[in-house]
């Protein structure tokens, strides 16, 4: 899987799954792990329907094996939500990611990254649904956790700053949006080399806010800098906690 040889990964994964189903009875963790692995391969292949099918089976095993709140059940809930998110089923996504968040809050103490991940995820779904105030609420909580957990400049703090800025922009709070988007940009500039896509993403965010503030010169300057990094491709940043993690 790490080498990107997905057809081979599927072949061996299916063989391992069938063997484990013969070897183990009931809700065995090895079977759940194989189901999760196969779901991840299909997810990376962009076959989200198959990913959903395997991750749902893994979730059923985890629920049967572990009573009450358990990290593995929470991770499976998160994975199912990830598949629904990729399929554009926002209401289903929200259902599973809210369950994952509540279970992770019950499982982990303090400022745990899994809780921050779930907060970010739920915020992202609310943003996709147009619930911008809700998105801001969850993304602010994630930012607070990240700032307590990590000292100084950190990619996850930068991502949370950017998220809060995006939510403020959607709400029309352009001055607040600019503050957070600029902080995210400055942190990413401290973390990454000049041509990093995360810097381009923040430049695009700042440019968008400048445009909303009727400051076209600053907006154009930011867009030019982002274009110099990524060209005509939309900048993609992978430093979030993230919606794409299962």
C-alpha atoms as a PDB file:
ATOM      1  CA  UNK A   1       0.000   0.000   0.000  1.00  0.00           C
ATOM      2  CA  UNK A   2       2.758   2.452   0.842  1.00  0.00           C
ATOM      3  CA  UNK A   3       4.342   1.828  -2.562  1.00  0.00           C
ATOM      4  CA  UNK A   4       1.047   2.497  -4.285  1.00  0.00           C
ATOM      5  CA  UNK A   5       0.727  -1.069  -5.615  1.00  0.00           C
ATOM      6  CA  UNK A   6      -2.975  -1.161  -4.873  1.00  0.00           C
ATOM      7  CA  UNK A   7      -4.002  -4.109  -7.098  1.00  0.00           C
ATOM      8  CA  UNK A   8      -1.524  -6.336  -5.273  1.00  0.00           C
ATOM      9  CA  UNK A   9      -2.655  -4.934  -1.947  1.00  0.00           C
ATOM     10  CA  UNK A  10      -6.240  -5.813  -2.792  1.00  0.00           C
ATOM     11  CA  UNK A  11      -5.310  -9.325  -3.888  1.00  0.00           C
ATOM     12  CA  UNK A  12      -3.304 -10.130  -0.774  1.00  0.00           C
ATOM     13  CA  UNK A  13      -5.759  -8.326   1.449  1.00  0.00           C
ATOM     14  CA  UNK A  14      -8.682 -10.361   0.170  1.00  0.00           C
ATOM     15  CA  UNK A  15      -6.707 -13.568   0.641  1.00  0.00           C
ATOM     16  CA  UNK A  16      -5.782 -12.586   4.193  1.00  0.00           C
ATOM     17  CA  UNK A  17      -9.398 -11.732   4.977  1.00  0.00           C
ATOM     18  CA  UNK A  18     -10.733 -15.064   3.714  1.00  0.00           C
ATOM     19  CA  UNK A  19      -8.064 -16.968   5.658  1.00  0.00           C
ATOM     20  CA  UNK A  20      -8.826 -15.091   8.859  1.00  0.00           C
ATOM     21  CA  UNK A  21     -12.562 -15.719   8.487  1.00  0.00           C
ATOM     22  CA  UNK A  22     -11.752 -19.441   8.406  1.00  0.00           C
ATOM     23  CA  UNK A  23      -9.307 -19.294  11.319  1.00  0.00           C
ATOM     24  CA  UNK A  24     -11.265 -17.076  13.683  1.00  0.00           C
ATOM     25  CA  UNK A  25     -14.834 -17.314  14.834  1.00  0.00           C
ATOM     26  CA  UNK A  26     -17.004 -14.450  15.909  1.00  0.00           C
ATOM     27  CA  UNK A  27     -15.864 -10.849  16.170  1.00  0.00           C
ATOM     28  CA  UNK A  28     -12.094 -11.218  15.983  1.00  0.00           C
ATOM     29  CA  UNK A  29      -9.784  -8.152  15.843  1.00  0.00           C
ATOM     30  CA  UNK A  30      -7.689  -9.659  13.028  1.00  0.00           C
ATOM     31  CA  UNK A  31     -10.762  -9.836  10.800  1.00  0.00           C
ATOM     32  CA  UNK A  32     -11.660  -6.248  11.669  1.00  0.00           C
ATOM     33  CA  UNK A  33      -8.114  -5.144  10.870  1.00  0.00           C
ATOM     34  CA  UNK A  34      -8.218  -6.822   7.455  1.00  0.00           C
ATOM     35  CA  UNK A  35     -11.568  -5.207   6.698  1.00  0.00           C
ATOM     36  CA  UNK A  36     -10.154  -1.824   7.695  1.00  0.00           C
ATOM     37  CA  UNK A  37      -7.084  -2.348   5.525  1.00  0.00           C
ATOM     38  CA  UNK A  38      -9.170  -3.263   2.498  1.00  0.00           C
ATOM     39  CA  UNK A  39     -11.377  -0.243   3.087  1.00  0.00           C
ATOM     40  CA  UNK A  40      -8.290   1.967   3.136  1.00  0.00           C
ATOM     41  CA  UNK A  41      -7.052   0.545  -0.180  1.00  0.00           C
ATOM     42  CA  UNK A  42     -10.398   1.161  -1.847  1.00  0.00           C
ATOM     43  CA  UNK A  43     -10.442   4.661  -0.361  1.00  0.00           C
ATOM     44  CA  UNK A  44      -7.057   5.440  -1.913  1.00  0.00           C
ATOM     45  CA  UNK A  45      -8.258   4.047  -5.214  1.00  0.00           C
ATOM     46  CA  UNK A  46     -11.234   6.403  -5.089  1.00  0.00           C
ATOM     47  CA  UNK A  47     -13.690   3.507  -4.835  1.00  0.00           C
ATOM     48  CA  UNK A  48     -15.564   4.980  -1.894  1.00  0.00           C
ATOM     49  CA  UNK A  49     -18.593   2.698  -2.112  1.00  0.00           C
ATOM     50  CA  UNK A  50     -16.410  -0.366  -1.583  1.00  0.00           C
ATOM     51  CA  UNK A  51     -14.482   1.424   1.144  1.00  0.00           C
ATOM     52  CA  UNK A  52     -17.778   2.135   2.889  1.00  0.00           C
ATOM     53  CA  UNK A  53     -18.829  -1.514   2.619  1.00  0.00           C
ATOM     54  CA  UNK A  54     -15.645  -2.826   4.267  1.00  0.00           C
ATOM     55  CA  UNK A  55     -15.478  -0.120   6.910  1.00  0.00           C
ATOM     56  CA  UNK A  56     -19.107  -0.783   7.877  1.00  0.00           C
ATOM     57  CA  UNK A  57     -18.321  -4.469   8.331  1.00  0.00           C
ATOM     58  CA  UNK A  58     -15.326  -3.562  10.500  1.00  0.00           C
ATOM     59  CA  UNK A  59     -17.539  -1.261  12.567  1.00  0.00           C
ATOM     60  CA  UNK A  60     -20.043  -4.070  13.174  1.00  0.00           C
ATOM     61  CA  UNK A  61     -17.258  -6.322  14.468  1.00  0.00           C
ATOM     62  CA  UNK A  62     -15.837  -3.603  16.711  1.00  0.00           C
ATOM     63  CA  UNK A  63     -19.267  -2.860  18.181  1.00  0.00           C
ATOM     64  CA  UNK A  64     -19.847  -6.546  18.854  1.00  0.00           C
ATOM     65  CA  UNK A  65     -16.426  -6.975  20.434  1.00  0.00           C
ATOM     66  CA  UNK A  66     -16.236  -3.854  22.586  1.00  0.00           C
ATOM     67  CA  UNK A  67     -19.023  -2.669  24.828  1.00  0.00           C
ATOM     68  CA  UNK A  68     -19.545   0.997  25.494  1.00  0.00           C
ATOM     69  CA  UNK A  69     -17.000   3.581  24.466  1.00  0.00           C
ATOM     70  CA  UNK A  70     -13.812   2.230  22.904  1.00  0.00           C
ATOM     71  CA  UNK A  71     -11.108   3.859  20.729  1.00  0.00           C
ATOM     72  CA  UNK A  72     -11.414   1.206  18.026  1.00  0.00           C
ATOM     73  CA  UNK A  73     -15.161   1.691  17.737  1.00  0.00           C
ATOM     74  CA  UNK A  74     -14.568   5.441  17.521  1.00  0.00           C
ATOM     75  CA  UNK A  75     -11.961   4.966  14.778  1.00  0.00           C
ATOM     76  CA  UNK A  76     -14.381   2.774  12.813  1.00  0.00           C
ATOM     77  CA  UNK A  77     -17.130   5.366  13.178  1.00  0.00           C
ATOM     78  CA  UNK A  78     -14.677   7.945  11.879  1.00  0.00           C
ATOM     79  CA  UNK A  79     -13.754   5.739   8.902  1.00  0.00           C
ATOM     80  CA  UNK A  80     -17.391   5.187   7.904  1.00  0.00           C
ATOM     81  CA  UNK A  81     -17.922   8.932   8.113  1.00  0.00           C
ATOM     82  CA  UNK A  82     -14.874   9.428   5.900  1.00  0.00           C
ATOM     83  CA  UNK A  83     -16.396   7.232   3.182  1.00  0.00           C
ATOM     84  CA  UNK A  84     -19.737   9.029   3.349  1.00  0.00           C
ATOM     85  CA  UNK A  85     -17.854  12.349   3.195  1.00  0.00           C
ATOM     86  CA  UNK A  86     -16.056  11.249   0.039  1.00  0.00           C
ATOM     87  CA  UNK A  87     -19.409  10.180  -1.434  1.00  0.00           C
ATOM     88  CA  UNK A  88     -20.897  13.595  -0.691  1.00  0.00           C
ATOM     89  CA  UNK A  89     -23.453  12.240   1.787  1.00  0.00           C
ATOM     90  CA  UNK A  90     -23.102  15.053   4.303  1.00  0.00           C
ATOM     91  CA  UNK A  91     -26.000  14.112   6.588  1.00  0.00           C
ATOM     92  CA  UNK A  92     -24.712  10.540   6.981  1.00  0.00           C
ATOM     93  CA  UNK A  93     -21.188  11.868   7.451  1.00  0.00           C
ATOM     94  CA  UNK A  94     -22.334  14.153  10.238  1.00  0.00           C
ATOM     95  CA  UNK A  95     -24.120  11.307  12.019  1.00  0.00           C
ATOM     96  CA  UNK A  96     -21.028   9.098  12.154  1.00  0.00           C
ATOM     97  CA  UNK A  97     -18.539  11.852  12.856  1.00  0.00           C
ATOM     98  CA  UNK A  98     -20.623  13.240  15.710  1.00  0.00           C
ATOM     99  CA  UNK A  99     -20.746   9.741  17.220  1.00  0.00           C
ATOM    100  CA  UNK A 100     -16.975   9.410  16.801  1.00  0.00           C
ATOM    101  CA  UNK A 101     -16.440  12.781  18.478  1.00  0.00           C
ATOM    102  CA  UNK A 102     -18.599  11.960  21.498  1.00  0.00           C
ATOM    103  CA  UNK A 103     -16.954   8.564  21.931  1.00  0.00           C
ATOM    104  CA  UNK A 104     -13.461  10.016  21.651  1.00  0.00           C
ATOM    105  CA  UNK A 105     -14.318  12.638  24.263  1.00  0.00           C
ATOM    106  CA  UNK A 106     -15.337   9.782  26.554  1.00  0.00           C
ATOM    107  CA  UNK A 107     -12.239   7.699  25.750  1.00  0.00           C
ATOM    108  CA  UNK A 108      -9.473  10.278  25.961  1.00  0.00           C
ATOM    109  CA  UNK A 109      -8.465  12.730  28.633  1.00  0.00           C
ATOM    110  CA  UNK A 110      -6.859  16.087  28.058  1.00  0.00           C
ATOM    111  CA  UNK A 111      -5.967  17.513  24.684  1.00  0.00           C
ATOM    112  CA  UNK A 112      -5.873  14.373  22.581  1.00  0.00           C
ATOM    113  CA  UNK A 113      -5.225  14.608  18.823  1.00  0.00           C
ATOM    114  CA  UNK A 114      -8.067  12.198  18.044  1.00  0.00           C
ATOM    115  CA  UNK A 115     -10.532  14.590  19.690  1.00  0.00           C
ATOM    116  CA  UNK A 116      -9.082  17.496  17.723  1.00  0.00           C
ATOM    117  CA  UNK A 117      -9.392  15.436  14.536  1.00  0.00           C
ATOM    118  CA  UNK A 118     -13.066  14.773  15.224  1.00  0.00           C
ATOM    119  CA  UNK A 119     -13.728  18.420  16.055  1.00  0.00           C
ATOM    120  CA  UNK A 120     -12.162  19.399  12.741  1.00  0.00           C
ATOM    121  CA  UNK A 121     -14.173  16.753  10.910  1.00  0.00           C
ATOM    122  CA  UNK A 122     -17.514  17.808  12.372  1.00  0.00           C
ATOM    123  CA  UNK A 123     -16.658  21.432  11.647  1.00  0.00           C
ATOM    124  CA  UNK A 124     -15.882  20.559   8.029  1.00  0.00           C
ATOM    125  CA  UNK A 125     -19.252  18.855   7.540  1.00  0.00           C
ATOM    126  CA  UNK A 126     -21.131  21.793   9.034  1.00  0.00           C
ATOM    127  CA  UNK A 127     -19.212  24.091   6.697  1.00  0.00           C
ATOM    128  CA  UNK A 128     -20.155  21.903   3.710  1.00  0.00           C
ATOM    129  CA  UNK A 129     -23.795  22.036   4.842  1.00  0.00           C
ATOM    130  CA  UNK A 130     -23.681  25.826   5.106  1.00  0.00           C
ATOM    131  CA  UNK A 131     -23.859  25.800   8.912  1.00  0.00           C
ATOM    132  CA  UNK A 132     -21.023  28.296   9.219  1.00  0.00           C
ATOM    133  CA  UNK A 133     -21.650  29.276  12.849  1.00  0.00           C
ATOM    134  CA  UNK A 134     -21.506  25.597  13.834  1.00  0.00           C
ATOM    135  CA  UNK A 135     -18.355  25.116  11.793  1.00  0.00           C
ATOM    136  CA  UNK A 136     -16.743  28.049  13.572  1.00  0.00           C
ATOM    137  CA  UNK A 137     -17.755  26.629  16.952  1.00  0.00           C
ATOM    138  CA  UNK A 138     -16.105  23.251  16.331  1.00  0.00           C
ATOM    139  CA  UNK A 139     -13.033  24.663  14.587  1.00  0.00           C
ATOM    140  CA  UNK A 140     -12.449  27.069  17.484  1.00  0.00           C
ATOM    141  CA  UNK A 141     -12.520  24.158  19.918  1.00  0.00           C
ATOM    142  CA  UNK A 142     -10.027  22.271  17.751  1.00  0.00           C
ATOM    143  CA  UNK A 143      -7.757  25.311  17.666  1.00  0.00           C
ATOM    144  CA  UNK A 144      -7.848  25.603  21.455  1.00  0.00           C
ATOM    145  CA  UNK A 145      -6.830  21.944  21.821  1.00  0.00           C
ATOM    146  CA  UNK A 146      -4.007  22.314  19.305  1.00  0.00           C
ATOM    147  CA  UNK A 147      -2.624  25.446  20.949  1.00  0.00           C
ATOM    148  CA  UNK A 148      -2.502  23.712  24.323  1.00  0.00           C
ATOM    149  CA  UNK A 149      -1.006  20.488  22.959  1.00  0.00           C
ATOM    150  CA  UNK A 150       1.674  21.961  20.688  1.00  0.00           C
ATOM    151  CA  UNK A 151       4.153  24.705  21.510  1.00  0.00           C
ATOM    152  CA  UNK A 152       5.237  27.313  19.006  1.00  0.00           C
ATOM    153  CA  UNK A 153       4.662  26.814  15.301  1.00  0.00           C
ATOM    154  CA  UNK A 154       2.990  23.536  14.358  1.00  0.00           C
ATOM    155  CA  UNK A 155       1.223  22.360  11.174  1.00  0.00           C
ATOM    156  CA  UNK A 156      -1.926  21.410  13.049  1.00  0.00           C
ATOM    157  CA  UNK A 157      -2.196  24.808  14.711  1.00  0.00           C
ATOM    158  CA  UNK A 158      -1.720  26.434  11.304  1.00  0.00           C
ATOM    159  CA  UNK A 159      -4.477  24.279   9.838  1.00  0.00           C
ATOM    160  CA  UNK A 160      -6.869  25.159  12.657  1.00  0.00           C
ATOM    161  CA  UNK A 161      -6.098  28.872  12.276  1.00  0.00           C
ATOM    162  CA  UNK A 162      -6.884  28.582   8.572  1.00  0.00           C
ATOM    163  CA  UNK A 163     -10.160  26.770   9.305  1.00  0.00           C
ATOM    164  CA  UNK A 164     -11.294  29.448  11.756  1.00  0.00           C
ATOM    165  CA  UNK A 165     -10.411  32.095   9.197  1.00  0.00           C
ATOM    166  CA  UNK A 166     -12.426  30.325   6.495  1.00  0.00           C
ATOM    167  CA  UNK A 167     -15.458  30.101   8.807  1.00  0.00           C
ATOM    168  CA  UNK A 168     -15.262  33.819   9.643  1.00  0.00           C
ATOM    169  CA  UNK A 169     -15.055  34.604   5.932  1.00  0.00           C
ATOM    170  CA  UNK A 170     -18.175  32.522   5.236  1.00  0.00           C
ATOM    171  CA  UNK A 171     -19.981  34.436   7.992  1.00  0.00           C
ATOM    172  CA  UNK A 172     -18.943  37.785   6.514  1.00  0.00           C
ATOM    173  CA  UNK A 173     -16.599  38.591   9.411  1.00  0.00           C
ATOM    174  CA  UNK A 174     -13.846  39.681   7.062  1.00  0.00           C
ATOM    175  CA  UNK A 175     -11.645  41.480   9.583  1.00  0.00           C
ATOM    176  CA  UNK A 176     -11.575  38.417  11.830  1.00  0.00           C
ATOM    177  CA  UNK A 177     -11.068  36.193   8.805  1.00  0.00           C
ATOM    178  CA  UNK A 178      -8.046  38.216   7.741  1.00  0.00           C
ATOM    179  CA  UNK A 179      -6.524  37.991  11.220  1.00  0.00           C
ATOM    180  CA  UNK A 180      -6.691  34.199  11.365  1.00  0.00           C
ATOM    181  CA  UNK A 181      -5.752  33.604   7.724  1.00  0.00           C
ATOM    182  CA  UNK A 182      -2.687  35.849   8.078  1.00  0.00           C
ATOM    183  CA  UNK A 183      -1.664  34.011  11.264  1.00  0.00           C
ATOM    184  CA  UNK A 184      -1.979  30.702   9.423  1.00  0.00           C
ATOM    185  CA  UNK A 185       0.089  32.050   6.528  1.00  0.00           C
ATOM    186  CA  UNK A 186       2.821  33.358   8.812  1.00  0.00           C
ATOM    187  CA  UNK A 187       3.017  30.079  10.712  1.00  0.00           C
ATOM    188  CA  UNK A 188       3.219  28.065   7.512  1.00  0.00           C
ATOM    189  CA  UNK A 189       5.928  30.365   6.182  1.00  0.00           C
ATOM    190  CA  UNK A 190       7.886  29.615   9.365  1.00  0.00           C
ATOM    191  CA  UNK A 191       7.301  25.866   9.001  1.00  0.00           C
ATOM    192  CA  UNK A 192       7.767  25.177   5.307  1.00  0.00           C
ATOM    193  CA  UNK A 193       9.997  26.005   2.364  1.00  0.00           C
ATOM    194  CA  UNK A 194       8.878  28.876   0.138  1.00  0.00           C
ATOM    195  CA  UNK A 195       7.342  26.680  -2.567  1.00  0.00           C
ATOM    196  CA  UNK A 196       5.225  24.546  -0.247  1.00  0.00           C
ATOM    197  CA  UNK A 197       1.558  24.009  -1.256  1.00  0.00           C
ATOM    198  CA  UNK A 198       0.363  24.867   2.258  1.00  0.00           C
ATOM    199  CA  UNK A 199       1.832  28.345   1.850  1.00  0.00           C
ATOM    200  CA  UNK A 200       0.050  28.644  -1.486  1.00  0.00           C
ATOM    201  CA  UNK A 201      -3.223  27.594   0.158  1.00  0.00           C
ATOM    202  CA  UNK A 202      -2.851  30.264   2.824  1.00  0.00           C
ATOM    203  CA  UNK A 203      -1.926  32.895   0.242  1.00  0.00           C
ATOM    204  CA  UNK A 204      -5.109  32.039  -1.639  1.00  0.00           C
ATOM    205  CA  UNK A 205      -7.130  32.293   1.584  1.00  0.00           C
ATOM    206  CA  UNK A 206      -5.650  35.692   2.420  1.00  0.00           C
ATOM    207  CA  UNK A 207      -6.207  36.855  -1.143  1.00  0.00           C
ATOM    208  CA  UNK A 208      -9.860  35.842  -0.981  1.00  0.00           C
ATOM    209  CA  UNK A 209     -10.365  37.844   2.213  1.00  0.00           C
ATOM    210  CA  UNK A 210      -8.605  40.887   0.760  1.00  0.00           C
ATOM    211  CA  UNK A 211     -10.975  40.658  -2.185  1.00  0.00           C
ATOM    212  CA  UNK A 212     -13.971  40.597   0.165  1.00  0.00           C
ATOM    213  CA  UNK A 213     -12.543  43.666   1.923  1.00  0.00           C
ATOM    214  CA  UNK A 214     -12.331  45.524  -1.410  1.00  0.00           C
ATOM    215  CA  UNK A 215      -8.547  45.586  -1.320  1.00  0.00           C
ATOM    216  CA  UNK A 216      -7.814  44.338  -4.843  1.00  0.00           C
ATOM    217  CA  UNK A 217      -4.111  45.177  -4.939  1.00  0.00           C
ATOM    218  CA  UNK A 218      -3.340  43.009  -1.906  1.00  0.00           C
ATOM    219  CA  UNK A 219      -5.637  40.279  -3.228  1.00  0.00           C
ATOM    220  CA  UNK A 220      -3.906  40.186  -6.618  1.00  0.00           C
ATOM    221  CA  UNK A 221      -0.483  40.115  -4.960  1.00  0.00           C
ATOM    222  CA  UNK A 222      -1.465  37.086  -2.860  1.00  0.00           C
ATOM    223  CA  UNK A 223      -2.944  35.282  -5.868  1.00  0.00           C
ATOM    224  CA  UNK A 224       0.209  35.935  -7.885  1.00  0.00           C
ATOM    225  CA  UNK A 225       2.362  34.440  -5.132  1.00  0.00           C
ATOM    226  CA  UNK A 226       0.086  31.406  -4.869  1.00  0.00           C
ATOM    227  CA  UNK A 227       0.163  30.964  -8.660  1.00  0.00           C
ATOM    228  CA  UNK A 228       3.973  31.077  -8.612  1.00  0.00           C
ATOM    229  CA  UNK A 229       3.916  28.051  -6.287  1.00  0.00           C
ATOM    230  CA  UNK A 230       1.110  25.913  -7.708  1.00  0.00           C
ATOM    231  CA  UNK A 231       0.378  27.309 -11.140  1.00  0.00           C
ATOM    232  CA  UNK A 232      -3.228  26.972 -12.279  1.00  0.00           C
ATOM    233  CA  UNK A 233      -3.856  23.966 -10.011  1.00  0.00           C
ATOM    234  CA  UNK A 234      -5.845  24.766  -6.857  1.00  0.00           C
ATOM    235  CA  UNK A 235      -3.412  24.681  -3.921  1.00  0.00           C
ATOM    236  CA  UNK A 236      -3.792  21.624  -1.700  1.00  0.00           C
ATOM    237  CA  UNK A 237      -2.503  21.546   1.855  1.00  0.00           C
ATOM    238  CA  UNK A 238      -2.180  18.312   3.807  1.00  0.00           C
ATOM    239  CA  UNK A 239      -1.245  19.596   7.253  1.00  0.00           C
ATOM    240  CA  UNK A 240      -4.722  19.307   8.794  1.00  0.00           C
ATOM    241  CA  UNK A 241      -5.631  16.869  11.520  1.00  0.00           C
ATOM    242  CA  UNK A 242      -7.792  15.940   9.186  1.00  0.00           C
ATOM    243  CA  UNK A 243     -10.909  15.018   7.496  1.00  0.00           C
ATOM    244  CA  UNK A 244      -9.000  12.516   5.440  1.00  0.00           C
ATOM    245  CA  UNK A 245      -7.759  10.385   8.267  1.00  0.00           C
ATOM    246  CA  UNK A 246      -9.424   7.184   9.335  1.00  0.00           C
END
